[in-house]
Structures are given as structure tokens and as C-alpha cells.
Amino acid sequence: MTETSATIQLPPRLAEQVKTHIQEGWFPNLNALIIEALRRYLETHQGELTERFIREDVEWGLHDKEWTGSGN
């Protein structure tokens, strides 16, 4: 699997907090901090995200005028 690059803009206060955590040795660099933050977010919201996607699929299936139910 190939890695994906992203550019982010942090609000000044958040940028200072990130810088402090890196300087204090909690993370080796910004990349490691962002990866861990995203991993933890996805891990703790997995049920909520799954439920939302299921609800959206059901709503689409029940209410989409073009949906035929036959896969066509």
C-alpha cells in the first residue's frame, strides 16, 4: 500500500501545543503525532462512523427515486 501525503494548516494555538509535545519528546515529529491522532480518532469513533454509513446506505435504498433494487 502506498502512503498518502497531505498538507494541513493548524491554528496557532494548536500548532504551539503540537510543537511542545514534540519538543518534550512525546512524538519524534509532526508526522508521527498526526498519524497517532488520526489512528486514535478512527479507533474511538469506529462504531459511530459505521452506524452513520449504514444509516446513509439504508436511507439511499429507501428513498432514492432511481434505485431499482435489481442492481441495474
C-alpha atoms as a PDB file:
ATOM      1  CA  MET A   1       0.000   0.000   0.000  1.00  0.00           C
ATOM      2  CA  THR A   2       1.374   3.402  -0.900  1.00  0.00           C
ATOM      3  CA  GLU A   3       1.444   6.276   1.537  1.00  0.00           C
ATOM      4  CA  THR A   4      -0.712   9.339   1.064  1.00  0.00           C
ATOM      5  CA  SER A   5       0.616  12.842   1.610  1.00  0.00           C
ATOM      6  CA  ALA A   6      -1.460  15.713   2.950  1.00  0.00           C
ATOM      7  CA  THR A   7      -0.931  19.386   3.703  1.00  0.00           C
ATOM      8  CA  ILE A   8      -2.547  20.797   6.836  1.00  0.00           C
ATOM      9  CA  GLN A   9      -2.901  24.236   8.351  1.00  0.00           C
ATOM     10  CA  LEU A  10      -3.018  24.353  12.136  1.00  0.00           C
ATOM     11  CA  PRO A  11      -4.456  27.205  14.164  1.00  0.00           C
ATOM     12  CA  PRO A  12      -1.648  28.987  16.066  1.00  0.00           C
ATOM     13  CA  ARG A  13      -2.646  27.659  19.497  1.00  0.00           C
ATOM     14  CA  LEU A  14      -2.853  24.057  18.270  1.00  0.00           C
ATOM     15  CA  ALA A  15       0.476  24.451  16.449  1.00  0.00           C
ATOM     16  CA  GLU A  16       2.101  25.569  19.713  1.00  0.00           C
ATOM     17  CA  GLN A  17       0.672  22.581  21.579  1.00  0.00           C
ATOM     18  CA  VAL A  18       1.949  20.235  18.869  1.00  0.00           C
ATOM     19  CA  LYS A  19       5.389  21.867  18.949  1.00  0.00           C
ATOM     20  CA  THR A  20       5.524  21.494  22.731  1.00  0.00           C
ATOM     21  CA  HIS A  21       4.630  17.797  22.600  1.00  0.00           C
ATOM     22  CA  ILE A  22       7.349  17.165  20.027  1.00  0.00           C
ATOM     23  CA  GLN A  23       9.948  19.176  21.962  1.00  0.00           C
ATOM     24  CA  GLU A  24       9.078  17.296  25.164  1.00  0.00           C
ATOM     25  CA  GLY A  25       9.711  14.003  23.377  1.00  0.00           C
ATOM     26  CA  TRP A  26       6.147  12.686  23.248  1.00  0.00           C
ATOM     27  CA  PHE A  27       6.476  12.317  19.474  1.00  0.00           C
ATOM     28  CA  PRO A  28       9.560  12.312  17.242  1.00  0.00           C
ATOM     29  CA  ASN A  29       7.979  14.635  14.644  1.00  0.00           C
ATOM     30  CA  LEU A  30       4.740  16.161  13.360  1.00  0.00           C
ATOM     31  CA  ASN A  31       4.081  13.239  11.035  1.00  0.00           C
ATOM     32  CA  ALA A  32       4.140  10.725  13.903  1.00  0.00           C
ATOM     33  CA  LEU A  33       1.831  12.906  16.004  1.00  0.00           C
ATOM     34  CA  ILE A  34      -0.721  13.320  13.195  1.00  0.00           C
ATOM     35  CA  ILE A  35      -0.710   9.595  12.390  1.00  0.00           C
ATOM     36  CA  GLU A  36      -1.309   8.709  16.048  1.00  0.00           C
ATOM     37  CA  ALA A  37      -4.054  11.326  16.403  1.00  0.00           C
ATOM     38  CA  LEU A  38      -5.871  10.059  13.309  1.00  0.00           C
ATOM     39  CA  ARG A  39      -5.478   6.432  14.384  1.00  0.00           C
ATOM     40  CA  ARG A  40      -6.933   7.187  17.821  1.00  0.00           C
ATOM     41  CA  TYR A  41      -9.799   9.227  16.355  1.00  0.00           C
ATOM     42  CA  LEU A  42     -10.784   6.490  13.929  1.00  0.00           C
ATOM     43  CA  GLU A  43     -10.418   3.816  16.609  1.00  0.00           C
ATOM     44  CA  THR A  44     -12.645   5.632  19.117  1.00  0.00           C
ATOM     45  CA  HIS A  45     -15.278   6.649  16.535  1.00  0.00           C
ATOM     46  CA  GLN A  46     -15.441   3.371  14.590  1.00  0.00           C
ATOM     47  CA  GLY A  47     -18.911   2.385  15.831  1.00  0.00           C
ATOM     48  CA  GLU A  48     -20.315   5.857  15.261  1.00  0.00           C
ATOM     49  CA  LEU A  49     -18.867   6.061  11.744  1.00  0.00           C
ATOM     50  CA  THR A  50     -20.065   2.572  10.830  1.00  0.00           C
ATOM     51  CA  GLU A  51     -23.573   3.339  12.085  1.00  0.00           C
ATOM     52  CA  ARG A  52     -23.678   6.599  10.134  1.00  0.00           C
ATOM     53  CA  PHE A  53     -22.598   4.890   6.901  1.00  0.00           C
ATOM     54  CA  ILE A  54     -25.176   2.131   7.392  1.00  0.00           C
ATOM     55  CA  ARG A  55     -27.935   4.701   8.010  1.00  0.00           C
ATOM     56  CA  GLU A  56     -26.914   6.619   4.877  1.00  0.00           C
ATOM     57  CA  ASP A  57     -26.994   3.409   2.818  1.00  0.00           C
ATOM     58  CA  VAL A  58     -30.437   2.487   4.178  1.00  0.00           C
ATOM     59  CA  GLU A  59     -31.781   5.991   3.513  1.00  0.00           C
ATOM     60  CA  TRP A  60     -30.420   5.854  -0.013  1.00  0.00           C
ATOM     61  CA  GLY A  61     -32.021   2.440  -0.537  1.00  0.00           C
ATOM     62  CA  LEU A  62     -35.385   3.509   0.859  1.00  0.00           C
ATOM     63  CA  HIS A  63     -35.691   6.961  -0.673  1.00  0.00           C
ATOM     64  CA  ASP A  64     -33.625   7.206  -3.837  1.00  0.00           C
ATOM     65  CA  LYS A  65     -36.040   7.542  -6.753  1.00  0.00           C
ATOM     66  CA  GLU A  66     -33.594   5.977  -9.216  1.00  0.00           C
ATOM     67  CA  TRP A  67     -32.839   2.909  -7.093  1.00  0.00           C
ATOM     68  CA  THR A  68     -34.469  -0.197  -8.575  1.00  0.00           C
ATOM     69  CA  GLY A  69     -33.250  -2.844  -6.142  1.00  0.00           C
ATOM     70  CA  SER A  70     -32.091  -5.053  -9.006  1.00  0.00           C
ATOM     71  CA  GLY A  71     -28.568  -3.684  -9.246  1.00  0.00           C
ATOM     72  CA  ASN A  72     -29.324  -2.033 -12.585  1.00  0.00           C
END
